Amino acid sequence: MKKSAFLICSVALIIAVLPASAQKSINLGNPALWTIHNRALVSSRPDTVLFNALPNDGMMVNLQESFTGGSIEFNVKGENKMGESFVGIAFNIRDEKNYEAVYFRPFNFFNPDTVRRPRSVQYIYMPNFPWEKLRAEHPGKYENRVTNVPDPDGWFHVKIEIRHPEITVFVNGNKEPCLRLNSLSDGISGKIGVWMGNNSRGSFSNLVISPQK
């Protein structure tokens, strides 16, 4: 084989094995990379963290990554405890009071109350648009039932695609989103973090971000 042909083949091979997108796994267990608000770690490993339950919302915010759009994937586990399990991801974070979030209410996944099931996944934009305001003023627009329903006491996979202003949420590889909406924020860049609501424990693992192409 001629040298030029060999070089062309080598370059083609390198391109073929490169990832389609610049996926980045985020180390959850390195305390130097995070700041924690209103929670304490119960246990941590590089890919998995578990937090205790405390009154009011809490989060762990990454200090290095500035997310401007693309996708966020992670595994999460809450509990089947009525009104005491709210777990998800926060993004476009300015500080612990100003952020957007998508979170889940696992206790509603199989709730026999048909009014509660469509309240399984929720979007909020704090502090101006908490869930109470969104539900009262726009019923059914910023929350929905979860399709491909996971075990409310078990791990499930979440993929959130953010291409401002559109936000699309998928659970457990389902091709149909369980939530699709337009962001209420004008901002498109901020920190990301794992999030827990009032009196909620939360377990998170395998956090991966892929910047928008």
Protein backbone atom coordinates (compact mmCIF):
# COMPACT_ATOMS: atom_id res chain seq x y z
CA MET A 1 0.00 0.00 0.00
CA LYS A 2 1.28 3.47 -0.87
CA LYS A 3 2.09 5.84 1.97
CA SER A 4 -0.64 8.34 0.99
CA ALA A 5 -3.27 5.61 0.83
CA PHE A 6 -2.14 4.32 4.24
CA LEU A 7 -2.50 7.79 5.75
CA ILE A 8 -6.00 8.19 4.33
CA CYS A 9 -7.06 4.82 5.72
CA SER A 10 -5.55 5.67 9.12
CA VAL A 11 -7.37 8.99 9.32
CA ALA A 12 -10.64 7.32 8.31
CA LEU A 13 -10.18 4.72 11.02
CA ILE A 14 -9.53 7.38 13.68
CA ILE A 15 -12.66 9.31 12.67
CA ALA A 16 -14.72 6.12 12.73
CA VAL A 17 -13.85 5.36 16.35
CA LEU A 18 -14.35 8.88 17.67
CA PRO A 19 -17.56 9.35 19.70
CA ALA A 20 -20.49 10.85 17.84
CA SER A 21 -20.81 13.54 20.51
CA ALA A 22 -18.52 14.85 23.21
CA GLN A 23 -20.11 12.91 26.05
CA LYS A 24 -18.60 13.65 29.42
CA SER A 25 -19.06 11.57 32.56
CA ILE A 26 -19.22 13.73 35.69
CA ASN A 27 -17.52 12.46 38.83
CA LEU A 28 -20.21 12.59 41.50
CA GLY A 29 -18.04 11.46 44.40
CA ASN A 30 -15.24 14.06 44.31
CA PRO A 31 -16.12 16.72 46.92
CA ALA A 32 -13.74 19.22 45.33
CA LEU A 33 -16.00 19.40 42.27
CA TRP A 34 -19.26 20.12 44.10
CA THR A 35 -20.96 22.33 46.63
CA ILE A 36 -23.90 20.98 48.67
CA HIS A 37 -26.90 23.03 49.79
CA ASN A 38 -29.24 21.78 52.54
CA ARG A 39 -28.30 18.13 52.34
CA ALA A 40 -25.58 15.81 53.65
CA LEU A 41 -23.97 12.87 51.88
CA VAL A 42 -24.79 9.49 53.35
CA SER A 43 -22.41 7.68 51.00
CA SER A 44 -20.50 8.40 47.82
CA ARG A 45 -18.46 6.71 45.12
CA PRO A 46 -17.10 8.25 41.90
CA ASP A 47 -20.28 7.39 40.01
CA THR A 48 -22.92 7.25 42.79
CA VAL A 49 -24.09 9.46 45.67
CA LEU A 50 -26.80 9.09 48.33
CA PHE A 51 -28.20 12.04 50.29
CA ASN A 52 -30.20 12.27 53.49
CA ALA A 53 -33.66 13.81 53.81
CA LEU A 54 -34.14 17.30 55.23
CA PRO A 55 -36.94 19.87 55.20
CA ASN A 56 -37.01 22.15 52.14
CA ASP A 57 -35.27 21.69 48.81
CA GLY A 58 -31.62 20.70 48.52
CA MET A 59 -29.06 20.18 45.78
CA MET A 60 -25.47 19.40 44.96
CA VAL A 61 -24.07 21.80 42.35
CA ASN A 62 -21.13 21.11 40.07
CA LEU A 63 -18.50 23.84 40.31
CA GLN A 64 -16.76 23.20 36.99
CA GLU A 65 -19.31 22.54 34.26
CA SER A 66 -21.24 25.34 32.57
CA PHE A 67 -24.06 23.76 30.59
CA THR A 68 -25.50 25.69 27.64
CA GLY A 69 -27.61 22.99 26.03
CA GLY A 70 -27.52 19.42 24.81
CA SER A 71 -28.47 16.41 26.90
CA ILE A 72 -28.16 15.38 30.54
CA GLU A 73 -28.44 11.67 31.42
CA PHE A 74 -28.42 10.09 34.84
CA ASN A 75 -29.83 7.29 36.96
CA VAL A 76 -31.91 8.20 39.98
CA LYS A 77 -33.70 6.45 42.81
CA GLY A 78 -36.36 7.89 45.09
CA GLU A 79 -38.91 6.22 47.35
CA ASN A 80 -42.54 5.20 47.20
CA LYS A 81 -43.40 7.52 50.10
CA MET A 82 -46.36 9.80 49.57
CA GLY A 83 -45.30 13.43 49.59
CA GLU A 84 -41.72 12.63 50.65
CA SER A 85 -39.86 11.74 47.47
CA PHE A 86 -38.97 14.41 44.93
CA VAL A 87 -35.78 13.71 42.95
CA GLY A 88 -34.32 15.12 39.77
CA ILE A 89 -31.80 17.42 38.13
CA ALA A 90 -31.32 21.18 38.27
CA PHE A 91 -29.79 23.22 35.45
CA ASN A 92 -29.30 26.84 34.44
CA ILE A 93 -28.29 27.29 38.09
CA ARG A 94 -27.34 30.81 39.19
CA ASP A 95 -27.39 29.98 42.89
CA GLU A 96 -29.34 27.71 45.26
CA LYS A 97 -32.46 29.87 44.88
CA ASN A 98 -32.35 30.56 41.12
CA TYR A 99 -32.49 27.60 38.76
CA GLU A 100 -34.58 25.38 36.50
CA ALA A 101 -35.27 21.76 37.38
CA VAL A 102 -36.99 18.62 36.17
CA TYR A 103 -37.90 16.20 38.93
CA PHE A 104 -39.98 13.10 39.62
CA ARG A 105 -42.54 12.05 42.19
CA PRO A 106 -42.01 8.26 42.33
CA PHE A 107 -44.95 7.82 44.72
CA ASN A 108 -47.25 8.81 41.85
CA PHE A 109 -45.91 6.34 39.28
CA PHE A 110 -48.50 3.67 40.18
CA ASN A 111 -50.78 5.77 42.32
CA PRO A 112 -54.36 4.40 42.18
CA ASP A 113 -55.59 8.00 42.28
CA THR A 114 -55.92 8.83 38.58
CA VAL A 115 -55.58 12.53 39.36
CA ARG A 116 -52.12 12.00 40.84
CA ARG A 117 -50.56 9.85 38.12
CA PRO A 118 -50.28 12.77 35.66
CA ARG A 119 -48.22 14.51 38.35
CA SER A 120 -45.28 12.12 38.16
CA VAL A 121 -42.75 14.36 36.38
CA GLN A 122 -42.53 18.12 36.94
CA TYR A 123 -40.71 21.17 35.55
CA ILE A 124 -40.06 24.26 37.70
CA TYR A 125 -38.18 27.54 37.31
CA MET A 126 -37.30 28.94 40.69
CA PRO A 127 -38.10 31.17 42.42
CA ASN A 128 -40.77 32.71 40.19
CA PHE A 129 -42.43 29.55 38.89
CA PRO A 130 -42.73 26.86 41.59
CA TRP A 131 -44.94 23.86 40.95
CA GLU A 132 -47.90 25.34 42.82
CA LYS A 133 -48.04 28.40 40.56
CA LEU A 134 -47.55 26.38 37.37
CA ARG A 135 -50.24 23.86 38.29
CA ALA A 136 -52.72 26.57 39.23
CA GLU A 137 -52.13 28.76 36.17
CA HIS A 138 -51.24 26.14 33.54
CA PRO A 139 -52.76 22.79 34.62
CA GLY A 140 -51.17 19.82 32.88
CA LYS A 141 -48.63 21.87 30.91
CA TYR A 142 -45.54 21.55 33.10
CA GLU A 143 -46.16 18.11 34.62
CA ASN A 144 -47.22 14.73 33.27
CA ARG A 145 -47.43 11.00 33.86
CA VAL A 146 -44.35 8.85 33.26
CA THR A 147 -44.51 6.31 30.46
CA ASN A 148 -42.62 3.01 30.60
CA VAL A 149 -43.29 3.28 34.32
CA PRO A 150 -40.35 2.30 36.56
CA ASP A 151 -40.38 0.77 40.04
CA PRO A 152 -41.06 3.70 42.41
CA ASP A 153 -38.54 2.26 44.88
CA GLY A 154 -35.93 1.38 42.26
CA TRP A 155 -33.40 2.97 39.95
CA PHE A 156 -34.54 4.44 36.65
CA HIS A 157 -32.76 6.18 33.79
CA VAL A 158 -33.51 9.74 32.71
CA LYS A 159 -32.46 11.65 29.61
CA ILE A 160 -33.24 15.36 29.38
CA GLU A 161 -32.64 17.09 26.07
CA ILE A 162 -32.31 20.86 26.34
CA ARG A 163 -32.26 22.87 23.13
CA HIS A 164 -33.40 26.25 24.27
CA PRO A 165 -36.20 26.93 24.62
CA GLU A 166 -37.39 23.31 24.20
CA ILE A 167 -36.93 20.78 27.02
CA THR A 168 -37.76 17.10 26.40
CA VAL A 169 -37.69 14.36 29.05
CA PHE A 170 -37.35 10.61 28.44
CA VAL A 171 -37.42 7.76 30.98
CA ASN A 172 -35.89 4.27 30.67
CA GLY A 173 -35.11 4.57 26.97
CA ASN A 174 -38.68 5.21 25.90
CA LYS A 175 -38.74 6.86 22.47
CA GLU A 176 -41.79 8.90 23.42
CA PRO A 177 -41.09 11.74 25.89
CA CYS A 178 -42.98 11.93 29.14
CA LEU A 179 -42.66 15.70 29.18
CA ARG A 180 -42.08 18.32 26.49
CA LEU A 181 -42.25 22.06 27.11
CA ASN A 182 -40.60 25.40 26.48
CA SER A 183 -38.32 26.79 29.15
CA LEU A 184 -39.60 29.76 31.13
CA SER A 185 -36.08 31.14 31.49
CA ASP A 186 -34.34 33.63 29.21
CA GLY A 187 -30.96 32.30 30.32
CA ILE A 188 -29.32 29.46 28.43
CA SER A 189 -26.14 28.93 30.45
CA GLY A 190 -25.55 27.90 34.04
CA LYS A 191 -24.37 25.19 36.39
CA ILE A 192 -25.96 21.77 36.76
CA GLY A 193 -26.68 19.76 39.89
CA VAL A 194 -28.66 16.90 41.39
CA TRP A 195 -31.81 18.03 43.20
CA MET A 196 -34.10 16.83 45.99
CA GLY A 197 -37.36 18.32 47.24
CA ASN A 198 -38.81 18.76 50.70
CA ASN A 199 -38.08 15.86 53.11
CA SER A 200 -36.62 13.75 50.28
CA ARG A 201 -33.72 11.34 50.20
CA GLY A 202 -32.08 10.85 46.84
CA SER A 203 -29.65 8.51 45.10
CA PHE A 204 -27.95 9.48 41.84
CA SER A 205 -25.49 7.72 39.54
CA ASN A 206 -23.84 7.80 36.12
CA LEU A 207 -24.29 11.49 35.37
CA VAL A 208 -23.32 12.23 31.76
CA ILE A 209 -23.63 15.47 29.80
CA SER A 210 -23.42 15.89 26.03
CA PRO A 211 -23.05 19.47 24.77
CA GLN A 212 -25.39 20.63 22.04
CA LYS A 213 -23.99 20.15 18.55
